[in-house]
N, C-alpha and C. Protein backbone atom coordinates (compact mmCIF):
# COMPACT_ATOMS: atom_id res chain seq x y z
N MET A 1 19.47 66.48 3.21
CA MET A 1 18.55 65.66 3.97
C MET A 1 19.07 64.23 4.03
N ASP A 2 20.12 64.00 4.81
CA ASP A 2 20.72 62.69 4.91
C ASP A 2 19.88 61.78 5.78
N THR A 3 20.10 60.50 5.66
CA THR A 3 19.43 59.52 6.48
C THR A 3 20.49 58.54 7.00
N PRO A 4 20.42 58.02 8.22
CA PRO A 4 19.42 58.37 9.23
C PRO A 4 19.66 59.74 9.86
N TYR A 5 18.66 60.19 10.60
CA TYR A 5 18.69 61.52 11.20
C TYR A 5 18.36 61.37 12.67
N ARG A 6 19.18 61.96 13.53
CA ARG A 6 18.98 61.77 14.96
C ARG A 6 18.93 63.11 15.69
N ARG A 7 18.00 63.20 16.64
CA ARG A 7 17.91 64.36 17.51
C ARG A 7 18.32 63.93 18.92
N GLU A 8 18.19 64.85 19.87
CA GLU A 8 18.58 64.52 21.22
C GLU A 8 17.65 63.45 21.80
N PRO A 9 18.15 62.66 22.75
CA PRO A 9 17.33 61.58 23.33
C PRO A 9 16.01 62.12 23.90
N GLY A 10 14.93 61.41 23.64
CA GLY A 10 13.62 61.77 24.18
C GLY A 10 12.83 62.75 23.32
N TYR A 11 13.46 63.29 22.25
CA TYR A 11 12.75 64.29 21.45
C TYR A 11 11.49 63.72 20.82
N ALA A 12 11.58 62.54 20.26
CA ALA A 12 10.43 61.95 19.55
C ALA A 12 9.25 61.75 20.49
N GLU A 13 9.51 61.27 21.68
CA GLU A 13 8.43 61.04 22.63
C GLU A 13 7.82 62.35 23.09
N ARG A 14 8.66 63.37 23.30
CA ARG A 14 8.13 64.68 23.70
C ARG A 14 7.28 65.28 22.60
N TYR A 15 7.75 65.16 21.37
CA TYR A 15 6.99 65.69 20.24
C TYR A 15 5.65 64.97 20.13
N ARG A 16 5.65 63.66 20.24
CA ARG A 16 4.42 62.88 20.15
C ARG A 16 3.43 63.22 21.26
N ASP A 17 3.94 63.35 22.47
CA ASP A 17 3.05 63.48 23.63
C ASP A 17 2.69 64.91 23.98
N ARG A 18 3.51 65.90 23.55
CA ARG A 18 3.28 67.26 24.02
C ARG A 18 3.02 68.29 22.92
N ARG A 19 3.63 68.11 21.74
CA ARG A 19 3.60 69.16 20.72
C ARG A 19 2.18 69.57 20.36
N PHE A 20 1.25 68.62 20.27
CA PHE A 20 -0.10 68.95 19.84
C PHE A 20 -1.14 68.70 20.94
N SER A 21 -0.67 68.65 22.18
CA SER A 21 -1.59 68.49 23.30
C SER A 21 -1.54 69.65 24.28
N LEU A 22 -0.58 70.56 24.11
CA LEU A 22 -0.44 71.70 25.02
C LEU A 22 -0.63 73.01 24.26
N ALA A 23 -0.99 74.07 24.99
CA ALA A 23 -1.11 75.42 24.43
C ALA A 23 -2.02 75.41 23.21
N HIS A 24 -1.51 75.90 22.05
CA HIS A 24 -2.33 75.96 20.83
C HIS A 24 -2.31 74.65 20.06
N GLY A 25 -1.60 73.65 20.58
CA GLY A 25 -1.46 72.39 19.86
C GLY A 25 -2.77 71.71 19.50
N PRO A 26 -3.72 71.55 20.45
CA PRO A 26 -4.97 70.88 20.10
C PRO A 26 -5.75 71.59 19.00
N ARG A 27 -5.75 72.91 19.01
CA ARG A 27 -6.45 73.65 17.95
C ARG A 27 -5.77 73.42 16.60
N THR A 28 -4.43 73.44 16.59
CA THR A 28 -3.70 73.18 15.36
C THR A 28 -4.01 71.79 14.84
N ASP A 29 -4.02 70.83 15.74
CA ASP A 29 -4.31 69.44 15.34
C ASP A 29 -5.71 69.34 14.72
N ARG A 30 -6.70 69.95 15.34
CA ARG A 30 -8.07 69.91 14.80
C ARG A 30 -8.13 70.54 13.42
N ARG A 31 -7.47 71.68 13.25
CA ARG A 31 -7.52 72.37 11.96
C ARG A 31 -6.84 71.57 10.86
N GLU A 32 -5.72 70.95 11.19
CA GLU A 32 -5.02 70.18 10.17
C GLU A 32 -5.81 68.93 9.79
N ARG A 33 -6.41 68.29 10.76
CA ARG A 33 -7.25 67.13 10.45
C ARG A 33 -8.45 67.53 9.58
N ALA A 34 -9.05 68.68 9.90
CA ALA A 34 -10.18 69.16 9.10
C ALA A 34 -9.75 69.45 7.67
N ALA A 35 -8.56 70.00 7.50
CA ALA A 35 -8.05 70.28 6.15
C ALA A 35 -7.89 68.99 5.36
N ILE A 36 -7.29 67.98 5.95
CA ILE A 36 -7.07 66.72 5.25
C ILE A 36 -8.40 66.07 4.88
N ARG A 37 -9.34 66.06 5.82
CA ARG A 37 -10.65 65.45 5.53
C ARG A 37 -11.35 66.17 4.40
N SER A 38 -11.33 67.49 4.45
CA SER A 38 -12.02 68.26 3.41
C SER A 38 -11.40 68.02 2.04
N LEU A 39 -10.09 68.03 1.96
CA LEU A 39 -9.43 67.83 0.67
C LEU A 39 -9.64 66.42 0.13
N LEU A 40 -9.62 65.43 1.01
CA LEU A 40 -9.83 64.06 0.55
C LEU A 40 -11.24 63.85 0.03
N GLN A 41 -12.20 64.60 0.56
CA GLN A 41 -13.58 64.47 0.09
C GLN A 41 -13.72 64.89 -1.37
N SER A 42 -12.84 65.77 -1.83
CA SER A 42 -12.92 66.26 -3.20
C SER A 42 -11.92 65.58 -4.13
N ALA A 43 -11.29 64.50 -3.66
CA ALA A 43 -10.26 63.83 -4.44
C ALA A 43 -10.75 62.49 -4.97
N ALA A 44 -10.26 62.12 -6.13
CA ALA A 44 -10.49 60.78 -6.67
C ALA A 44 -9.42 59.87 -6.09
N ILE A 45 -9.84 58.91 -5.29
CA ILE A 45 -8.89 58.09 -4.53
C ILE A 45 -8.92 56.65 -5.02
N PRO A 46 -7.83 56.17 -5.59
CA PRO A 46 -7.78 54.76 -5.99
C PRO A 46 -7.58 53.87 -4.75
N PRO A 47 -7.91 52.60 -4.86
CA PRO A 47 -7.67 51.70 -3.72
C PRO A 47 -6.17 51.47 -3.53
N GLY A 48 -5.80 51.15 -2.30
CA GLY A 48 -4.40 50.81 -2.05
C GLY A 48 -3.84 51.47 -0.82
N ILE A 49 -2.55 51.27 -0.62
CA ILE A 49 -1.83 51.75 0.56
C ILE A 49 -1.40 53.21 0.36
N TRP A 50 -1.43 53.98 1.44
CA TRP A 50 -1.00 55.38 1.42
C TRP A 50 0.39 55.51 2.03
N LEU A 51 1.05 56.61 1.66
CA LEU A 51 2.35 56.95 2.24
C LEU A 51 2.21 58.24 3.02
N ASP A 52 2.66 58.23 4.27
CA ASP A 52 2.73 59.42 5.11
C ASP A 52 4.20 59.76 5.25
N ALA A 53 4.63 60.85 4.56
CA ALA A 53 6.06 61.16 4.49
C ALA A 53 6.30 62.66 4.48
N PRO A 54 6.99 63.19 5.47
CA PRO A 54 7.48 62.51 6.66
C PRO A 54 6.36 62.33 7.67
N SER A 55 6.35 61.22 8.33
CA SER A 55 5.24 60.88 9.21
C SER A 55 5.42 61.38 10.63
N GLY A 56 6.69 61.71 11.03
CA GLY A 56 6.90 61.97 12.44
C GLY A 56 6.47 60.75 13.24
N ALA A 57 5.71 60.97 14.29
CA ALA A 57 5.22 59.87 15.12
C ALA A 57 3.87 59.35 14.63
N GLY A 58 3.45 59.77 13.44
CA GLY A 58 2.22 59.22 12.86
C GLY A 58 0.95 59.89 13.31
N ARG A 59 1.03 61.15 13.73
CA ARG A 59 -0.16 61.84 14.28
C ARG A 59 -1.31 61.86 13.29
N LEU A 60 -1.04 62.09 12.02
CA LEU A 60 -2.11 62.28 11.04
C LEU A 60 -2.35 61.05 10.17
N SER A 61 -1.64 59.98 10.42
CA SER A 61 -1.78 58.80 9.57
C SER A 61 -3.19 58.23 9.59
N ASP A 62 -3.88 58.38 10.73
CA ASP A 62 -5.22 57.80 10.81
C ASP A 62 -6.26 58.59 10.03
N GLU A 63 -5.90 59.72 9.47
CA GLU A 63 -6.82 60.47 8.62
C GLU A 63 -6.80 59.96 7.17
N LEU A 64 -5.85 59.10 6.86
CA LEU A 64 -5.71 58.61 5.49
C LEU A 64 -6.53 57.33 5.29
N PRO A 65 -7.14 57.18 4.13
CA PRO A 65 -7.98 56.00 3.89
C PRO A 65 -7.12 54.75 3.69
N GLY A 66 -7.51 53.67 4.34
CA GLY A 66 -6.77 52.42 4.17
C GLY A 66 -5.52 52.35 5.02
N SER A 67 -4.70 51.36 4.73
CA SER A 67 -3.46 51.19 5.49
C SER A 67 -2.43 52.21 5.03
N VAL A 68 -1.44 52.45 5.92
CA VAL A 68 -0.49 53.53 5.70
C VAL A 68 0.93 53.05 5.98
N VAL A 69 1.86 53.43 5.13
CA VAL A 69 3.28 53.27 5.40
C VAL A 69 3.80 54.61 5.91
N ARG A 70 4.43 54.59 7.07
CA ARG A 70 5.00 55.80 7.65
C ARG A 70 6.49 55.86 7.32
N LEU A 71 6.90 56.99 6.74
CA LEU A 71 8.31 57.17 6.38
C LEU A 71 8.85 58.41 7.07
N ASP A 72 10.03 58.26 7.68
CA ASP A 72 10.69 59.40 8.32
C ASP A 72 12.19 59.12 8.33
N ARG A 73 13.00 60.17 8.32
CA ARG A 73 14.44 59.95 8.39
C ARG A 73 14.95 59.86 9.81
N ASP A 74 14.07 60.07 10.80
CA ASP A 74 14.45 59.94 12.20
C ASP A 74 13.91 58.60 12.72
N PRO A 75 14.78 57.62 12.99
CA PRO A 75 14.29 56.30 13.44
C PRO A 75 13.54 56.36 14.75
N GLN A 76 13.88 57.32 15.61
CA GLN A 76 13.18 57.40 16.90
C GLN A 76 11.74 57.89 16.70
N MET A 77 11.52 58.75 15.74
CA MET A 77 10.15 59.16 15.42
C MET A 77 9.32 57.96 14.98
N LEU A 78 9.91 57.13 14.16
CA LEU A 78 9.18 55.95 13.70
C LEU A 78 8.88 54.99 14.84
N LEU A 79 9.81 54.82 15.75
CA LEU A 79 9.55 53.97 16.91
C LEU A 79 8.44 54.55 17.78
N ALA A 80 8.38 55.89 17.87
CA ALA A 80 7.33 56.53 18.67
C ALA A 80 5.95 56.34 18.08
N ALA A 81 5.87 55.95 16.81
CA ALA A 81 4.57 55.72 16.17
C ALA A 81 3.90 54.46 16.68
N GLY A 82 4.65 53.57 17.35
CA GLY A 82 4.05 52.37 17.92
C GLY A 82 4.47 51.12 17.17
N PRO A 83 4.36 49.97 17.84
CA PRO A 83 4.87 48.72 17.26
C PRO A 83 4.08 48.21 16.07
N SER A 84 2.83 48.61 15.91
CA SER A 84 2.01 48.07 14.84
C SER A 84 2.16 48.82 13.52
N ALA A 85 2.87 49.94 13.54
CA ALA A 85 2.97 50.78 12.34
C ALA A 85 3.91 50.16 11.30
N GLN A 86 3.53 50.29 10.04
CA GLN A 86 4.44 49.95 8.95
C GLN A 86 5.40 51.12 8.79
N ARG A 87 6.70 50.88 8.95
CA ARG A 87 7.67 51.97 9.05
C ARG A 87 8.83 51.78 8.10
N VAL A 88 9.28 52.89 7.53
CA VAL A 88 10.46 52.90 6.67
C VAL A 88 11.29 54.11 7.05
N CYS A 89 12.57 53.90 7.35
CA CYS A 89 13.47 55.00 7.67
C CYS A 89 14.24 55.35 6.41
N ALA A 90 13.95 56.53 5.86
CA ALA A 90 14.60 56.95 4.62
C ALA A 90 14.38 58.44 4.44
N THR A 91 15.08 59.02 3.47
CA THR A 91 14.89 60.42 3.16
C THR A 91 13.83 60.58 2.09
N ILE A 92 13.04 61.62 2.18
CA ILE A 92 11.94 61.84 1.26
C ILE A 92 12.43 62.26 -0.12
N SER A 93 13.64 62.75 -0.21
CA SER A 93 14.17 63.17 -1.51
C SER A 93 14.70 62.02 -2.34
N ALA A 94 14.71 60.81 -1.78
CA ALA A 94 15.11 59.60 -2.52
C ALA A 94 14.31 58.43 -1.96
N LEU A 95 13.04 58.38 -2.31
CA LEU A 95 12.14 57.38 -1.73
C LEU A 95 12.49 55.98 -2.22
N PRO A 96 12.54 55.00 -1.32
CA PRO A 96 12.94 53.64 -1.70
C PRO A 96 11.77 52.79 -2.18
N PHE A 97 10.97 53.34 -3.09
CA PHE A 97 9.78 52.64 -3.59
C PHE A 97 9.75 52.73 -5.12
N VAL A 98 9.14 51.73 -5.73
CA VAL A 98 9.00 51.75 -7.19
C VAL A 98 7.92 52.76 -7.57
N ASN A 99 7.87 53.10 -8.83
CA ASN A 99 6.90 54.07 -9.33
C ASN A 99 5.47 53.61 -9.04
N ARG A 100 4.63 54.59 -8.68
CA ARG A 100 3.19 54.36 -8.49
C ARG A 100 2.91 53.30 -7.43
N SER A 101 3.70 53.28 -6.38
CA SER A 101 3.53 52.29 -5.31
C SER A 101 2.29 52.54 -4.46
N PHE A 102 1.88 53.83 -4.36
CA PHE A 102 0.88 54.19 -3.37
C PHE A 102 -0.37 54.80 -4.00
N ALA A 103 -1.48 54.60 -3.29
CA ALA A 103 -2.76 55.18 -3.73
C ALA A 103 -2.78 56.68 -3.51
N GLY A 104 -1.96 57.17 -2.62
CA GLY A 104 -1.88 58.61 -2.34
C GLY A 104 -0.77 58.88 -1.34
N VAL A 105 -0.46 60.16 -1.18
CA VAL A 105 0.64 60.57 -0.29
C VAL A 105 0.22 61.79 0.51
N LEU A 106 0.58 61.79 1.78
CA LEU A 106 0.48 62.97 2.63
C LEU A 106 1.88 63.45 2.97
N CYS A 107 2.15 64.72 2.72
CA CYS A 107 3.44 65.34 3.08
C CYS A 107 3.13 66.60 3.88
N CYS A 108 3.13 66.47 5.19
CA CYS A 108 2.71 67.56 6.07
C CYS A 108 3.88 68.04 6.94
N ARG A 109 4.00 69.36 7.06
CA ARG A 109 4.97 70.00 7.94
C ARG A 109 6.42 69.70 7.54
N LEU A 110 6.66 69.70 6.25
CA LEU A 110 8.03 69.56 5.77
C LEU A 110 8.48 70.77 4.96
N LEU A 111 7.67 71.20 3.99
CA LEU A 111 8.14 72.18 3.02
C LEU A 111 8.49 73.52 3.66
N GLN A 112 7.95 73.82 4.84
CA GLN A 112 8.33 75.09 5.48
C GLN A 112 9.78 75.07 5.97
N HIS A 113 10.40 73.90 5.95
CA HIS A 113 11.81 73.79 6.33
C HIS A 113 12.73 73.78 5.11
N ILE A 114 12.16 73.87 3.93
CA ILE A 114 12.93 73.77 2.69
C ILE A 114 12.93 75.12 1.99
N ALA A 115 14.05 75.83 2.07
CA ALA A 115 14.13 77.17 1.48
C ALA A 115 14.44 77.14 -0.01
N SER A 116 15.04 76.06 -0.47
CA SER A 116 15.50 75.97 -1.86
C SER A 116 14.39 75.45 -2.76
N ALA A 117 14.10 76.19 -3.84
CA ALA A 117 13.11 75.72 -4.82
C ALA A 117 13.56 74.41 -5.47
N ALA A 118 14.86 74.29 -5.72
CA ALA A 118 15.37 73.06 -6.34
C ALA A 118 15.12 71.85 -5.44
N GLU A 119 15.34 72.02 -4.14
CA GLU A 119 15.12 70.89 -3.22
C GLU A 119 13.63 70.60 -3.09
N ARG A 120 12.79 71.65 -3.05
CA ARG A 120 11.34 71.42 -3.00
C ARG A 120 10.91 70.61 -4.21
N ARG A 121 11.43 70.96 -5.38
CA ARG A 121 11.02 70.27 -6.61
C ARG A 121 11.51 68.83 -6.63
N THR A 122 12.67 68.59 -6.08
CA THR A 122 13.14 67.20 -5.97
C THR A 122 12.20 66.38 -5.12
N ILE A 123 11.79 66.94 -4.00
CA ILE A 123 10.86 66.24 -3.10
C ILE A 123 9.53 66.00 -3.80
N LEU A 124 8.98 67.03 -4.44
CA LEU A 124 7.70 66.90 -5.11
C LEU A 124 7.77 65.90 -6.25
N CYS A 125 8.88 65.86 -6.97
CA CYS A 125 9.05 64.87 -8.04
C CYS A 125 9.01 63.46 -7.48
N GLU A 126 9.63 63.24 -6.33
CA GLU A 126 9.60 61.92 -5.70
C GLU A 126 8.19 61.55 -5.26
N LEU A 127 7.45 62.50 -4.69
CA LEU A 127 6.07 62.22 -4.29
C LEU A 127 5.22 61.88 -5.51
N ALA A 128 5.42 62.64 -6.60
CA ALA A 128 4.67 62.37 -7.82
C ALA A 128 5.02 61.00 -8.40
N ARG A 129 6.28 60.63 -8.29
CA ARG A 129 6.73 59.36 -8.87
C ARG A 129 6.08 58.16 -8.22
N VAL A 130 5.93 58.20 -6.88
CA VAL A 130 5.46 57.00 -6.17
C VAL A 130 3.96 56.95 -5.99
N SER A 131 3.24 58.01 -6.40
CA SER A 131 1.80 58.04 -6.17
C SER A 131 1.03 57.89 -7.48
N ARG A 132 -0.06 57.15 -7.42
CA ARG A 132 -0.97 57.06 -8.55
C ARG A 132 -2.29 57.77 -8.25
N GLY A 133 -2.35 58.43 -7.09
CA GLY A 133 -3.54 59.15 -6.67
C GLY A 133 -3.20 60.50 -6.09
N PRO A 134 -4.05 61.03 -5.22
CA PRO A 134 -3.87 62.39 -4.70
C PRO A 134 -2.62 62.53 -3.84
N ILE A 135 -2.07 63.74 -3.89
CA ILE A 135 -0.92 64.10 -3.06
C ILE A 135 -1.29 65.36 -2.29
N LEU A 136 -1.27 65.27 -0.96
CA LEU A 136 -1.58 66.40 -0.09
C LEU A 136 -0.28 66.92 0.50
N ILE A 137 -0.02 68.19 0.29
CA ILE A 137 1.18 68.81 0.85
C ILE A 137 0.77 70.01 1.69
N SER A 138 1.58 70.33 2.68
CA SER A 138 1.36 71.55 3.45
C SER A 138 2.58 72.46 3.29
N PHE A 139 2.34 73.75 3.44
CA PHE A 139 3.41 74.75 3.34
C PHE A 139 3.01 75.96 4.15
N PHE A 140 3.94 76.88 4.36
CA PHE A 140 3.66 78.14 5.04
C PHE A 140 3.45 79.22 3.99
N ASP A 141 2.30 79.86 4.03
CA ASP A 141 1.91 80.88 3.06
C ASP A 141 2.43 82.25 3.51
N ARG A 142 3.16 82.93 2.63
CA ARG A 142 3.68 84.26 2.96
C ARG A 142 2.57 85.29 3.17
N CYS A 143 1.45 85.08 2.51
CA CYS A 143 0.35 86.05 2.62
C CYS A 143 -0.46 85.75 3.88
N SER A 144 0.14 86.04 5.04
CA SER A 144 -0.51 85.74 6.32
C SER A 144 0.05 86.65 7.40
N LEU A 145 -0.77 86.92 8.39
CA LEU A 145 -0.34 87.73 9.53
C LEU A 145 0.78 87.04 10.29
N GLN A 146 0.72 85.73 10.41
CA GLN A 146 1.76 85.00 11.13
C GLN A 146 3.12 85.17 10.47
N HIS A 147 3.14 85.16 9.14
CA HIS A 147 4.41 85.38 8.45
C HIS A 147 4.92 86.80 8.67
N ALA A 148 4.02 87.78 8.63
CA ALA A 148 4.43 89.17 8.87
C ALA A 148 5.05 89.31 10.26
N ARG A 149 4.48 88.65 11.24
CA ARG A 149 5.04 88.69 12.59
C ARG A 149 6.43 88.05 12.62
N ARG A 150 6.60 86.96 11.86
CA ARG A 150 7.90 86.30 11.82
C ARG A 150 8.96 87.22 11.21
N VAL A 151 8.59 87.92 10.13
CA VAL A 151 9.52 88.85 9.50
C VAL A 151 9.89 89.98 10.45
N LEU A 152 8.91 90.49 11.19
CA LEU A 152 9.16 91.57 12.14
C LEU A 152 10.10 91.11 13.25
N ARG A 153 9.90 89.90 13.74
CA ARG A 153 10.77 89.37 14.79
C ARG A 153 12.21 89.25 14.30
N ARG A 154 12.38 88.81 13.06
CA ARG A 154 13.72 88.71 12.52
C ARG A 154 14.37 90.08 12.39
N ALA A 155 13.57 91.06 11.96
CA ALA A 155 14.10 92.42 11.82
C ALA A 155 14.52 92.99 13.16
N MET A 156 13.89 92.53 14.23
CA MET A 156 14.22 92.99 15.57
C MET A 156 15.35 92.18 16.21
N GLY A 157 15.90 91.24 15.43
CA GLY A 157 17.03 90.47 15.94
C GLY A 157 16.64 89.26 16.75
N LYS A 158 15.37 88.88 16.72
CA LYS A 158 14.95 87.69 17.46
C LYS A 158 15.46 86.43 16.75
N THR A 159 15.49 85.33 17.47
CA THR A 159 16.03 84.08 16.94
C THR A 159 15.24 83.60 15.74
N ARG A 160 15.96 83.20 14.69
CA ARG A 160 15.30 82.61 13.53
C ARG A 160 14.74 81.24 13.87
N SER A 161 13.57 80.94 13.33
CA SER A 161 12.93 79.65 13.62
C SER A 161 13.41 78.55 12.70
N GLY A 162 14.05 78.91 11.58
CA GLY A 162 14.44 77.90 10.60
C GLY A 162 13.32 77.50 9.67
N ARG A 163 12.17 78.15 9.79
CA ARG A 163 11.04 77.86 8.90
C ARG A 163 10.87 78.99 7.89
N GLU A 164 10.47 78.63 6.68
CA GLU A 164 10.36 79.58 5.59
C GLU A 164 8.97 79.52 4.97
N ALA A 165 8.35 80.68 4.80
CA ALA A 165 7.09 80.75 4.07
C ALA A 165 7.38 81.07 2.61
N ILE A 166 6.48 80.65 1.72
CA ILE A 166 6.64 80.93 0.30
C ILE A 166 5.32 81.45 -0.25
N GLN A 167 5.39 82.12 -1.38
CA GLN A 167 4.18 82.61 -2.03
C GLN A 167 3.49 81.46 -2.75
N ARG A 168 2.18 81.58 -2.84
CA ARG A 168 1.43 80.52 -3.50
C ARG A 168 1.88 80.31 -4.95
N ARG A 169 2.13 81.40 -5.65
CA ARG A 169 2.52 81.24 -7.05
C ARG A 169 3.86 80.53 -7.18
N ALA A 170 4.75 80.72 -6.21
CA ALA A 170 6.03 80.00 -6.23
C ALA A 170 5.81 78.51 -5.99
N LEU A 171 4.92 78.19 -5.06
CA LEU A 171 4.64 76.78 -4.81
C LEU A 171 3.97 76.15 -6.03
N LEU A 172 3.05 76.87 -6.66
CA LEU A 172 2.40 76.34 -7.85
C LEU A 172 3.41 76.05 -8.95
N ALA A 173 4.41 76.92 -9.09
CA ALA A 173 5.46 76.68 -10.08
C ALA A 173 6.24 75.41 -9.74
N ASP A 174 6.53 75.21 -8.46
CA ASP A 174 7.23 73.99 -8.03
C ASP A 174 6.39 72.75 -8.33
N VAL A 175 5.11 72.83 -8.01
CA VAL A 175 4.20 71.70 -8.20
C VAL A 175 4.13 71.32 -9.68
N ARG A 176 3.96 72.31 -10.52
CA ARG A 176 3.84 72.02 -11.95
C ARG A 176 5.16 71.52 -12.53
N ALA A 177 6.27 72.05 -12.03
CA ALA A 177 7.58 71.58 -12.49
C ALA A 177 7.81 70.12 -12.13
N ALA A 178 7.16 69.65 -11.07
CA ALA A 178 7.28 68.26 -10.64
C ALA A 178 6.30 67.35 -11.37
N GLY A 179 5.53 67.91 -12.31
CA GLY A 179 4.59 67.09 -13.07
C GLY A 179 3.28 66.84 -12.36
N LEU A 180 2.93 67.70 -11.41
CA LEU A 180 1.67 67.56 -10.68
C LEU A 180 0.69 68.64 -11.10
N GLN A 181 -0.58 68.35 -10.93
CA GLN A 181 -1.63 69.31 -11.20
C GLN A 181 -2.20 69.82 -9.87
N PRO A 182 -2.11 71.11 -9.60
CA PRO A 182 -2.74 71.65 -8.38
C PRO A 182 -4.26 71.59 -8.51
N VAL A 183 -4.91 71.19 -7.45
CA VAL A 183 -6.37 71.03 -7.48
C VAL A 183 -7.06 72.03 -6.57
N ARG A 184 -6.61 72.12 -5.31
CA ARG A 184 -7.34 72.96 -4.37
C ARG A 184 -6.48 73.31 -3.18
N PHE A 185 -6.48 74.60 -2.81
CA PHE A 185 -5.85 75.06 -1.57
C PHE A 185 -6.84 74.95 -0.42
N TYR A 186 -6.29 74.78 0.79
CA TYR A 186 -7.09 74.83 2.02
C TYR A 186 -6.23 75.48 3.08
N ALA A 187 -6.56 76.71 3.44
CA ALA A 187 -5.84 77.43 4.50
C ALA A 187 -6.50 77.14 5.83
N VAL A 188 -5.71 76.80 6.83
CA VAL A 188 -6.31 76.50 8.13
C VAL A 188 -6.92 77.75 8.75
N SER A 189 -6.40 78.92 8.43
CA SER A 189 -6.99 80.19 8.86
C SER A 189 -6.48 81.26 7.90
N ARG A 190 -7.21 81.47 6.79
CA ARG A 190 -6.74 82.30 5.67
C ARG A 190 -6.36 83.70 6.13
N PHE A 191 -5.18 84.15 5.73
CA PHE A 191 -4.59 85.45 6.01
C PHE A 191 -4.14 85.62 7.46
N ILE A 192 -4.44 84.65 8.31
CA ILE A 192 -4.01 84.72 9.71
C ILE A 192 -2.84 83.76 9.94
N ALA A 193 -3.11 82.48 9.81
CA ALA A 193 -2.08 81.46 10.05
C ALA A 193 -1.35 81.13 8.75
N GLU A 194 -0.09 80.75 8.88
CA GLU A 194 0.71 80.38 7.71
C GLU A 194 0.32 79.02 7.14
N GLN A 195 0.00 78.09 8.01
CA GLN A 195 -0.18 76.71 7.57
C GLN A 195 -1.30 76.58 6.54
N THR A 196 -0.96 76.04 5.37
CA THR A 196 -1.89 75.89 4.28
C THR A 196 -1.63 74.56 3.59
N PHE A 197 -2.70 73.94 3.12
CA PHE A 197 -2.58 72.66 2.42
C PHE A 197 -2.90 72.86 0.95
N LEU A 198 -2.33 72.00 0.12
CA LEU A 198 -2.65 71.98 -1.30
C LEU A 198 -2.86 70.54 -1.72
N LEU A 199 -3.99 70.29 -2.34
CA LEU A 199 -4.26 68.98 -2.94
C LEU A 199 -3.77 69.00 -4.37
N CYS A 200 -3.00 68.00 -4.74
CA CYS A 200 -2.49 67.85 -6.10
C CYS A 200 -2.88 66.49 -6.64
N SER A 201 -2.86 66.37 -7.95
CA SER A 201 -3.10 65.09 -8.59
C SER A 201 -1.99 64.82 -9.60
N PRO A 202 -1.68 63.56 -9.85
CA PRO A 202 -0.66 63.25 -10.86
C PRO A 202 -1.16 63.64 -12.24
N GLN A 203 -0.22 63.96 -13.12
CA GLN A 203 -0.57 64.20 -14.50
C GLN A 203 -1.11 62.91 -15.10
N PRO A 204 -2.16 62.98 -15.92
CA PRO A 204 -2.68 61.76 -16.54
C PRO A 204 -1.63 61.10 -17.43
N ASN A 205 -1.67 59.79 -17.46
CA ASN A 205 -0.70 59.05 -18.28
C ASN A 205 -0.98 59.27 -19.77
């Protein structure tokens, strides 16, 4: 996960303007926002600035309490978030912040791209290091119809998506290995859709 990271010209703007406004995008956006709101209601939240990493174009940053720093390794994504956003271009596996910098962290739509447990744990360790409050992560749950369809498509020779689902117990092992306490799962559509959130808290000092 090197930084900086660049895609083809116009990708960031297309992602911002079309990814969650066409087809099933609006429904996905509503479900993910509902998940974040629900999990934050059950979290103990200290005052302070939040980190949205990776933020993409900042779609979900407004669901976080207080001001937000948006971090992404794609500089064009950060520019697409708008001129008023607090932005940092860096890799999530080596965050350029001191320990306990943030009141909380959101990490959405990243872990499904990370097949290696070692790399997942590196990322989770960094999130745990910089947060003194709740950490919300999303992942793709293997126990879902959507994952079964993905496996079937691969078996039929269809193009791989580059996304990987994991079992909940594997994710829990990663979370605990990073020094975090799992608090609560929230599936956007249990057993149907892969996308699932997990609220974690830092280990007490």
